[in-house]
């Protein structure tokens, strides 16, 4: 069972680093990685970004930060058995 959307304005950021389902202003829903410190996660891409944030990787452009994320939700558990 999936969880419910959590508003960043109301609930803040997730407590753990990891992949989450996100919704950002002006875009559809996506999967992105949350980290408590962008600079520590990928210093070459986010040097000086000593703060929490959401990011992803694009094969053409490299790492990029998701801006204006308004809501997030944990991903569901993977299936126990693959058929």
Protein backbone atom coordinates (compact mmCIF):
# COMPACT_ATOMS: atom_id res chain seq x y z
CA UNK A 1 0.00 0.00 0.00
CA UNK A 2 1.30 3.43 -0.93
CA UNK A 3 1.52 6.19 1.61
CA UNK A 4 -0.05 9.58 1.27
CA UNK A 5 1.48 12.73 -0.17
CA UNK A 6 3.33 14.81 2.40
CA UNK A 7 3.43 18.56 1.95
CA UNK A 8 6.88 20.06 2.50
CA UNK A 9 5.21 23.17 3.91
CA UNK A 10 3.40 21.07 6.52
CA UNK A 11 5.65 18.02 7.09
CA UNK A 12 9.10 19.24 6.02
CA UNK A 13 11.67 17.01 4.34
CA UNK A 14 12.00 13.24 4.79
CA UNK A 15 14.13 12.08 7.70
CA UNK A 16 16.15 9.62 5.58
CA UNK A 17 18.14 10.07 2.39
CA UNK A 18 16.78 8.02 -0.50
CA UNK A 19 14.51 7.86 -3.50
CA UNK A 20 11.01 9.34 -3.22
CA UNK A 21 8.05 10.11 -5.42
CA UNK A 22 7.92 13.91 -5.74
CA UNK A 23 5.71 16.61 -7.21
CA UNK A 24 7.20 19.97 -8.19
CA UNK A 25 5.63 23.19 -9.44
CA UNK A 26 5.19 23.14 -13.21
CA UNK A 27 5.94 19.46 -13.77
CA UNK A 28 4.47 16.01 -13.47
CA UNK A 29 5.25 13.57 -10.73
CA UNK A 30 8.76 12.08 -10.78
CA UNK A 31 11.13 9.92 -8.77
CA UNK A 32 14.06 11.84 -7.27
CA UNK A 33 16.74 11.29 -4.65
CA UNK A 34 16.54 13.29 -1.42
CA UNK A 35 19.68 14.14 0.52
CA UNK A 36 20.23 16.15 3.69
CA UNK A 37 23.33 17.70 2.10
CA UNK A 38 23.64 18.17 -1.67
CA UNK A 39 27.32 19.17 -1.45
CA UNK A 40 28.26 16.00 0.45
CA UNK A 41 26.30 13.80 -1.99
CA UNK A 42 27.93 15.07 -5.21
CA UNK A 43 30.46 17.84 -4.57
CA UNK A 44 31.37 18.17 -8.27
CA UNK A 45 27.76 18.93 -9.18
CA UNK A 46 26.56 20.76 -6.06
CA UNK A 47 29.67 22.44 -4.61
CA UNK A 48 28.66 24.92 -1.93
CA UNK A 49 25.07 23.63 -1.77
CA UNK A 50 25.39 22.73 1.92
CA UNK A 51 21.66 22.14 2.39
CA UNK A 52 18.96 19.53 1.87
CA UNK A 53 17.56 19.01 -1.61
CA UNK A 54 16.21 16.73 -4.30
CA UNK A 55 18.27 15.66 -7.29
CA UNK A 56 18.33 13.36 -10.29
CA UNK A 57 20.69 12.43 -13.10
CA UNK A 58 20.23 13.01 -16.83
CA UNK A 59 22.55 11.20 -19.29
CA UNK A 60 22.87 14.34 -21.42
CA UNK A 61 23.16 17.05 -18.76
CA UNK A 62 24.42 15.19 -15.68
CA UNK A 63 23.20 15.81 -12.13
CA UNK A 64 20.51 18.43 -11.62
CA UNK A 65 18.55 19.71 -8.66
CA UNK A 66 14.78 19.48 -8.56
CA UNK A 67 13.55 22.91 -7.53
CA UNK A 68 10.15 23.90 -6.16
CA UNK A 69 9.24 20.43 -4.88
CA UNK A 70 5.95 20.83 -3.02
CA UNK A 71 5.08 17.25 -2.02
CA UNK A 72 6.80 13.91 -1.52
CA UNK A 73 5.84 10.31 -0.80
CA UNK A 74 7.89 7.21 0.06
CA UNK A 75 8.15 4.64 -2.72
CA UNK A 76 6.29 1.38 -2.19
CA UNK A 77 8.18 -1.75 -1.17
CA UNK A 78 9.28 -3.88 -4.14
CA UNK A 79 7.48 -7.18 -4.73
CA UNK A 80 8.71 -10.09 -2.65
CA UNK A 81 8.65 -12.53 -5.52
CA UNK A 82 9.34 -12.01 -9.20
CA UNK A 83 7.29 -14.22 -11.51
